[in-house]
C-alpha cells in the first residue's frame, strides 16, 4: 500500500465536520466527478452531437455503478 502521510489529518478534518457538511462535501465531489467525466468525453469525442454524447455519458455512469458490465 502506498504511504498516505496526510491520512490522519484527513480523517481529523472529516471527524470535525457535521453530518450535513460531510454530505455536502460528498455531493460536491460527486458533481465534480460527473463534470470531469463529461469534459473528458467531450475531449475524446469532439464531433459527437450532444444527444449522442449524453448517451455515452449515461453508459459510462451505468458501467461505474455495475461492475459486472
N, C-alpha and C. Protein backbone atom coordinates (compact mmCIF):
# COMPACT_ATOMS: atom_id res chain seq x y z
N UNK A 1 0.84 -1.19 0.00
CA UNK A 1 0.00 0.00 0.00
C UNK A 1 0.88 1.25 0.00
N UNK A 2 0.47 2.21 -0.77
CA UNK A 2 1.21 3.46 -0.89
C UNK A 2 1.11 4.28 0.40
N UNK A 3 2.20 4.90 0.83
CA UNK A 3 2.15 5.73 2.05
C UNK A 3 1.17 6.89 1.89
N UNK A 4 0.46 7.18 2.95
CA UNK A 4 -0.51 8.28 2.95
C UNK A 4 -0.22 9.16 4.16
N UNK A 5 0.77 10.04 4.01
CA UNK A 5 1.19 10.83 5.17
C UNK A 5 0.12 11.76 5.73
N UNK A 6 -0.82 12.18 4.92
CA UNK A 6 -1.84 13.12 5.38
C UNK A 6 -3.16 12.45 5.75
N UNK A 7 -3.17 11.13 5.76
CA UNK A 7 -4.42 10.41 6.00
C UNK A 7 -5.02 10.75 7.37
N UNK A 8 -4.21 10.78 8.40
CA UNK A 8 -4.73 11.09 9.74
C UNK A 8 -5.28 12.51 9.79
N UNK A 9 -4.63 13.43 9.11
CA UNK A 9 -5.13 14.80 9.03
C UNK A 9 -6.50 14.82 8.34
N UNK A 10 -6.61 14.09 7.24
CA UNK A 10 -7.87 14.00 6.50
C UNK A 10 -8.98 13.43 7.38
N UNK A 11 -8.67 12.35 8.10
CA UNK A 11 -9.66 11.75 9.00
C UNK A 11 -10.07 12.75 10.08
N UNK A 12 -9.12 13.50 10.61
CA UNK A 12 -9.44 14.51 11.61
C UNK A 12 -10.36 15.58 11.07
N UNK A 13 -10.11 16.01 9.85
CA UNK A 13 -10.98 17.02 9.22
C UNK A 13 -12.38 16.47 9.05
N UNK A 14 -12.48 15.23 8.56
CA UNK A 14 -13.81 14.63 8.39
C UNK A 14 -14.55 14.52 9.72
N UNK A 15 -13.85 14.13 10.76
CA UNK A 15 -14.48 13.98 12.07
C UNK A 15 -14.91 15.31 12.66
N UNK A 16 -14.25 16.37 12.26
CA UNK A 16 -14.63 17.69 12.79
C UNK A 16 -15.83 18.29 12.06
N UNK A 17 -16.22 17.68 10.94
CA UNK A 17 -17.34 18.19 10.16
C UNK A 17 -18.65 17.60 10.68
N UNK A 18 -19.71 18.38 10.54
CA UNK A 18 -21.03 17.86 10.89
C UNK A 18 -21.48 16.89 9.80
N UNK A 19 -22.51 16.14 10.08
CA UNK A 19 -23.06 15.21 9.10
C UNK A 19 -23.49 15.97 7.84
N UNK A 20 -24.09 17.12 8.05
CA UNK A 20 -24.54 17.94 6.92
C UNK A 20 -23.35 18.39 6.07
N UNK A 21 -22.27 18.80 6.71
CA UNK A 21 -21.08 19.23 5.97
C UNK A 21 -20.45 18.07 5.19
N UNK A 22 -20.41 16.89 5.82
CA UNK A 22 -19.85 15.72 5.12
C UNK A 22 -20.70 15.35 3.92
N UNK A 23 -22.02 15.40 4.08
CA UNK A 23 -22.92 15.10 2.96
C UNK A 23 -22.73 16.12 1.85
N UNK A 24 -22.67 17.40 2.21
CA UNK A 24 -22.48 18.46 1.21
C UNK A 24 -21.18 18.24 0.44
N UNK A 25 -20.11 17.89 1.16
CA UNK A 25 -18.81 17.65 0.52
C UNK A 25 -18.89 16.44 -0.41
N UNK A 26 -19.58 15.39 0.02
CA UNK A 26 -19.73 14.20 -0.82
C UNK A 26 -20.49 14.54 -2.11
N UNK A 27 -21.53 15.34 -1.98
CA UNK A 27 -22.30 15.74 -3.17
C UNK A 27 -21.46 16.62 -4.10
N UNK A 28 -20.66 17.51 -3.53
CA UNK A 28 -19.77 18.36 -4.34
C UNK A 28 -18.77 17.50 -5.10
N UNK A 29 -18.19 16.52 -4.42
CA UNK A 29 -17.21 15.65 -5.08
C UNK A 29 -17.86 14.81 -6.17
N UNK A 30 -19.09 14.37 -5.93
CA UNK A 30 -19.83 13.61 -6.93
C UNK A 30 -20.10 14.47 -8.17
N UNK A 31 -20.53 15.70 -7.96
CA UNK A 31 -20.79 16.61 -9.08
C UNK A 31 -19.51 16.90 -9.85
N UNK A 32 -18.42 17.11 -9.14
CA UNK A 32 -17.14 17.37 -9.80
C UNK A 32 -16.73 16.17 -10.65
N UNK A 33 -16.92 14.97 -10.13
CA UNK A 33 -16.58 13.77 -10.87
C UNK A 33 -17.39 13.67 -12.15
N UNK A 34 -18.69 13.96 -12.07
CA UNK A 34 -19.54 13.91 -13.27
C UNK A 34 -19.10 14.98 -14.28
N UNK A 35 -18.74 16.16 -13.81
CA UNK A 35 -18.27 17.23 -14.71
C UNK A 35 -16.98 16.82 -15.40
N UNK A 36 -16.06 16.21 -14.65
CA UNK A 36 -14.80 15.77 -15.25
C UNK A 36 -15.02 14.66 -16.27
N UNK A 37 -15.95 13.75 -15.97
CA UNK A 37 -16.28 12.69 -16.93
C UNK A 37 -16.80 13.31 -18.22
N UNK A 38 -17.73 14.25 -18.12
CA UNK A 38 -18.30 14.86 -19.33
C UNK A 38 -17.24 15.65 -20.10
N UNK A 39 -16.37 16.35 -19.40
CA UNK A 39 -15.31 17.11 -20.07
C UNK A 39 -14.37 16.16 -20.81
N UNK A 40 -14.05 15.03 -20.19
CA UNK A 40 -13.20 14.05 -20.83
C UNK A 40 -13.85 13.45 -22.06
N UNK A 41 -15.15 13.19 -21.98
CA UNK A 41 -15.86 12.65 -23.14
C UNK A 41 -15.93 13.67 -24.27
N UNK A 42 -16.14 14.94 -23.93
CA UNK A 42 -16.17 15.98 -24.97
C UNK A 42 -14.81 16.09 -25.66
N UNK A 43 -13.74 15.93 -24.91
CA UNK A 43 -12.41 15.99 -25.50
C UNK A 43 -12.15 14.76 -26.37
N UNK A 44 -12.63 13.61 -25.92
CA UNK A 44 -12.40 12.37 -26.66
C UNK A 44 -13.27 12.29 -27.91
N UNK A 45 -14.50 12.81 -27.84
CA UNK A 45 -15.44 12.76 -28.96
C UNK A 45 -15.90 14.17 -29.32
N UNK A 46 -15.01 15.01 -29.84
CA UNK A 46 -15.37 16.42 -30.07
C UNK A 46 -16.46 16.64 -31.12
N UNK A 47 -16.64 15.70 -32.04
CA UNK A 47 -17.62 15.89 -33.11
C UNK A 47 -18.94 15.18 -32.84
N UNK A 48 -19.06 14.53 -31.71
CA UNK A 48 -20.28 13.80 -31.39
C UNK A 48 -21.38 14.78 -31.00
N UNK A 49 -22.56 14.66 -31.62
CA UNK A 49 -23.68 15.55 -31.23
C UNK A 49 -24.03 15.36 -29.75
N UNK A 50 -24.53 16.40 -29.15
CA UNK A 50 -24.82 16.41 -27.71
C UNK A 50 -25.71 15.25 -27.26
N UNK A 51 -26.79 14.93 -27.99
CA UNK A 51 -27.62 13.79 -27.52
C UNK A 51 -26.84 12.47 -27.49
N UNK A 52 -26.00 12.24 -28.50
CA UNK A 52 -25.21 11.01 -28.52
C UNK A 52 -24.13 11.04 -27.44
N UNK A 53 -23.55 12.20 -27.21
CA UNK A 53 -22.55 12.34 -26.15
C UNK A 53 -23.19 12.04 -24.80
N UNK A 54 -24.42 12.51 -24.62
CA UNK A 54 -25.13 12.25 -23.37
C UNK A 54 -25.38 10.75 -23.19
N UNK A 55 -25.67 10.04 -24.27
CA UNK A 55 -25.86 8.59 -24.20
C UNK A 55 -24.57 7.89 -23.78
N UNK A 56 -23.44 8.32 -24.33
CA UNK A 56 -22.14 7.76 -23.94
C UNK A 56 -21.91 8.02 -22.46
N UNK A 57 -22.20 9.23 -22.03
CA UNK A 57 -22.06 9.62 -20.62
C UNK A 57 -22.89 8.70 -19.71
N UNK A 58 -24.15 8.49 -20.08
CA UNK A 58 -25.02 7.64 -19.27
C UNK A 58 -24.52 6.20 -19.24
N UNK A 59 -24.02 5.69 -20.37
CA UNK A 59 -23.47 4.33 -20.41
C UNK A 59 -22.28 4.21 -19.47
N UNK A 60 -21.41 5.22 -19.50
CA UNK A 60 -20.23 5.20 -18.61
C UNK A 60 -20.64 5.25 -17.14
N UNK A 61 -21.65 6.06 -16.84
CA UNK A 61 -22.12 6.11 -15.45
C UNK A 61 -22.68 4.77 -15.01
N UNK A 62 -23.51 4.16 -15.87
CA UNK A 62 -24.08 2.86 -15.53
C UNK A 62 -22.99 1.82 -15.34
N UNK A 63 -21.98 1.89 -16.18
CA UNK A 63 -20.87 0.94 -16.07
C UNK A 63 -20.14 1.11 -14.74
N UNK A 64 -20.01 2.35 -14.27
CA UNK A 64 -19.33 2.58 -13.00
C UNK A 64 -20.18 2.11 -11.82
N UNK A 65 -21.50 2.07 -11.99
CA UNK A 65 -22.37 1.61 -10.91
C UNK A 65 -22.42 0.10 -10.84
N UNK A 66 -22.33 -0.56 -12.00
CA UNK A 66 -22.46 -2.01 -12.06
C UNK A 66 -21.20 -2.58 -12.68
N UNK A 67 -20.30 -3.06 -11.87
CA UNK A 67 -19.01 -3.55 -12.33
C UNK A 67 -19.11 -4.86 -13.12
N UNK A 68 -20.30 -5.45 -13.22
CA UNK A 68 -20.43 -6.70 -13.97
C UNK A 68 -20.39 -6.48 -15.46
N UNK A 69 -20.64 -5.27 -15.95
CA UNK A 69 -20.66 -4.99 -17.40
C UNK A 69 -19.26 -4.97 -17.95
